[in-house]
Amino acid sequence: MDWQIIAIVLIAATTLVAFVRSEKRQKFAAMAAQARHFATAPAYRHRASGTVAPAPAYIPMGLSPSDRMFLQSIAKTAKNKD
């Protein structure tokens, strides 16, 4: 009777270990397939960005003509009111 219980425990333990190893192997294979897909699929390939022209350097030029006209009109109206 004792050897039968030991045999049942050994068979159950072996079955559980085999099941866990199989599940890990399946998960690893699925992850490897997903990694292979992301590494080789055309949608995920690296594309070099096009050449971008550098932004022109800011050179302060004073007031723009429209700003100058606006300020001159304000100055004229201020003179007329006084």
C-alpha atoms as a PDB file:
ATOM      1  CA  MET A   1       0.000   0.000   0.000  1.00  0.00           C
ATOM      2  CA  ASP A   2       2.835   2.399   0.803  1.00  0.00           C
ATOM      3  CA  TRP A   3       4.565   1.854  -2.511  1.00  0.00           C
ATOM      4  CA  GLN A   4       1.297   2.604  -4.356  1.00  0.00           C
ATOM      5  CA  ILE A   5       0.974   6.010  -2.645  1.00  0.00           C
ATOM      6  CA  ILE A   6       4.610   6.785  -3.414  1.00  0.00           C
ATOM      7  CA  ALA A   7       4.042   5.778  -7.048  1.00  0.00           C
ATOM      8  CA  ILE A   8       0.954   8.031  -7.295  1.00  0.00           C
ATOM      9  CA  VAL A   9       2.873  10.990  -5.804  1.00  0.00           C
ATOM     10  CA  LEU A  10       5.816  10.421  -8.163  1.00  0.00           C
ATOM     11  CA  ILE A  11       3.542  10.178 -11.202  1.00  0.00           C
ATOM     12  CA  ALA A  12       1.641  13.329 -10.191  1.00  0.00           C
ATOM     13  CA  ALA A  13       4.867  15.259  -9.531  1.00  0.00           C
ATOM     14  CA  THR A  14       6.369  14.155 -12.848  1.00  0.00           C
ATOM     15  CA  THR A  15       3.189  15.165 -14.662  1.00  0.00           C
ATOM     16  CA  LEU A  16       3.149  18.589 -13.008  1.00  0.00           C
ATOM     17  CA  VAL A  17       6.828  19.215 -13.768  1.00  0.00           C
ATOM     18  CA  ALA A  18       6.343  18.190 -17.397  1.00  0.00           C
ATOM     19  CA  PHE A  19       3.285  20.446 -17.681  1.00  0.00           C
ATOM     20  CA  VAL A  20       5.090  23.482 -16.230  1.00  0.00           C
ATOM     21  CA  ARG A  21       8.115  22.954 -18.498  1.00  0.00           C
ATOM     22  CA  SER A  22       5.850  22.601 -21.522  1.00  0.00           C
ATOM     23  CA  GLU A  23       3.995  25.812 -20.675  1.00  0.00           C
ATOM     24  CA  LYS A  24       7.266  27.722 -20.246  1.00  0.00           C
ATOM     25  CA  ARG A  25       8.530  26.368 -23.561  1.00  0.00           C
ATOM     26  CA  GLN A  26       5.281  27.403 -25.289  1.00  0.00           C
ATOM     27  CA  LYS A  27       5.414  30.903 -23.785  1.00  0.00           C
ATOM     28  CA  PHE A  28       9.065  31.283 -24.834  1.00  0.00           C
ATOM     29  CA  ALA A  29       8.262  30.138 -28.378  1.00  0.00           C
ATOM     30  CA  ALA A  30       5.365  32.609 -28.633  1.00  0.00           C
ATOM     31  CA  MET A  31       7.547  35.447 -27.348  1.00  0.00           C
ATOM     32  CA  ALA A  32      10.315  34.523 -29.804  1.00  0.00           C
ATOM     33  CA  ALA A  33       7.807  34.518 -32.663  1.00  0.00           C
ATOM     34  CA  GLN A  34       6.521  37.933 -31.615  1.00  0.00           C
ATOM     35  CA  ALA A  35      10.063  39.299 -31.353  1.00  0.00           C
ATOM     36  CA  ARG A  36      10.881  37.856 -34.784  1.00  0.00           C
ATOM     37  CA  HIS A  37       7.772  39.553 -36.200  1.00  0.00           C
ATOM     38  CA  PHE A  38       8.685  42.945 -34.760  1.00  0.00           C
ATOM     39  CA  ALA A  39      12.302  42.548 -35.871  1.00  0.00           C
ATOM     40  CA  THR A  40      11.524  41.655 -39.483  1.00  0.00           C
ATOM     41  CA  ALA A  41       8.104  43.100 -40.368  1.00  0.00           C
ATOM     42  CA  PRO A  42       8.275  45.981 -42.866  1.00  0.00           C
ATOM     43  CA  ALA A  43       5.981  48.142 -40.742  1.00  0.00           C
ATOM     44  CA  TYR A  44       8.542  48.202 -37.920  1.00  0.00           C
ATOM     45  CA  ARG A  45      11.714  48.733 -39.951  1.00  0.00           C
ATOM     46  CA  HIS A  46      13.810  51.762 -39.179  1.00  0.00           C
ATOM     47  CA  ARG A  47      13.393  54.563 -41.658  1.00  0.00           C
ATOM     48  CA  ALA A  48      15.938  57.317 -41.668  1.00  0.00           C
ATOM     49  CA  SER A  49      14.346  60.698 -41.441  1.00  0.00           C
ATOM     50  CA  GLY A  50      14.761  62.985 -44.422  1.00  0.00           C
ATOM     51  CA  THR A  51      17.161  65.841 -44.352  1.00  0.00           C
ATOM     52  CA  VAL A  52      15.670  68.752 -42.489  1.00  0.00           C
ATOM     53  CA  ALA A  53      16.823  72.239 -43.308  1.00  0.00           C
ATOM     54  CA  PRO A  54      18.084  74.014 -40.222  1.00  0.00           C
ATOM     55  CA  ALA A  55      15.954  76.867 -38.985  1.00  0.00           C
ATOM     56  CA  PRO A  56      17.334  80.232 -40.002  1.00  0.00           C
ATOM     57  CA  ALA A  57      19.122  82.074 -37.261  1.00  0.00           C
ATOM     58  CA  TYR A  58      17.116  84.830 -35.627  1.00  0.00           C
ATOM     59  CA  ILE A  59      18.547  88.200 -36.534  1.00  0.00           C
ATOM     60  CA  PRO A  60      16.828  91.085 -34.785  1.00  0.00           C
ATOM     61  CA  MET A  61      15.984  93.694 -37.417  1.00  0.00           C
ATOM     62  CA  GLY A  62      14.008  96.154 -35.322  1.00  0.00           C
ATOM     63  CA  LEU A  63      10.331  96.753 -35.965  1.00  0.00           C
ATOM     64  CA  SER A  64       8.536  95.310 -38.921  1.00  0.00           C
ATOM     65  CA  PRO A  65       6.921  97.824 -41.288  1.00  0.00           C
ATOM     66  CA  SER A  66       3.422  96.981 -40.034  1.00  0.00           C
ATOM     67  CA  ASP A  67       4.520  97.446 -36.398  1.00  0.00           C
ATOM     68  CA  ARG A  68       6.147 100.756 -37.280  1.00  0.00           C
ATOM     69  CA  MET A  69       2.951 101.988 -38.999  1.00  0.00           C
ATOM     70  CA  PHE A  70       0.852 100.931 -35.999  1.00  0.00           C
ATOM     71  CA  LEU A  71       3.071 102.746 -33.525  1.00  0.00           C
ATOM     72  CA  GLN A  72       3.165 105.876 -35.734  1.00  0.00           C
ATOM     73  CA  SER A  73      -0.643 105.923 -35.909  1.00  0.00           C
ATOM     74  CA  ILE A  74      -0.844 105.653 -32.119  1.00  0.00           C
ATOM     75  CA  ALA A  75       1.656 108.503 -31.790  1.00  0.00           C
ATOM     76  CA  LYS A  76      -0.370 110.693 -34.203  1.00  0.00           C
ATOM     77  CA  THR A  77      -3.609 110.062 -32.329  1.00  0.00           C
ATOM     78  CA  ALA A  78      -1.906 110.837 -29.038  1.00  0.00           C
ATOM     79  CA  LYS A  79      -0.640 114.184 -30.425  1.00  0.00           C
ATOM     80  CA  ASN A  80      -4.065 115.071 -31.794  1.00  0.00           C
ATOM     81  CA  LYS A  81      -5.801 114.425 -28.444  1.00  0.00           C
ATOM     82  CA  ASP A  82      -3.443 116.627 -26.413  1.00  0.00           C
END
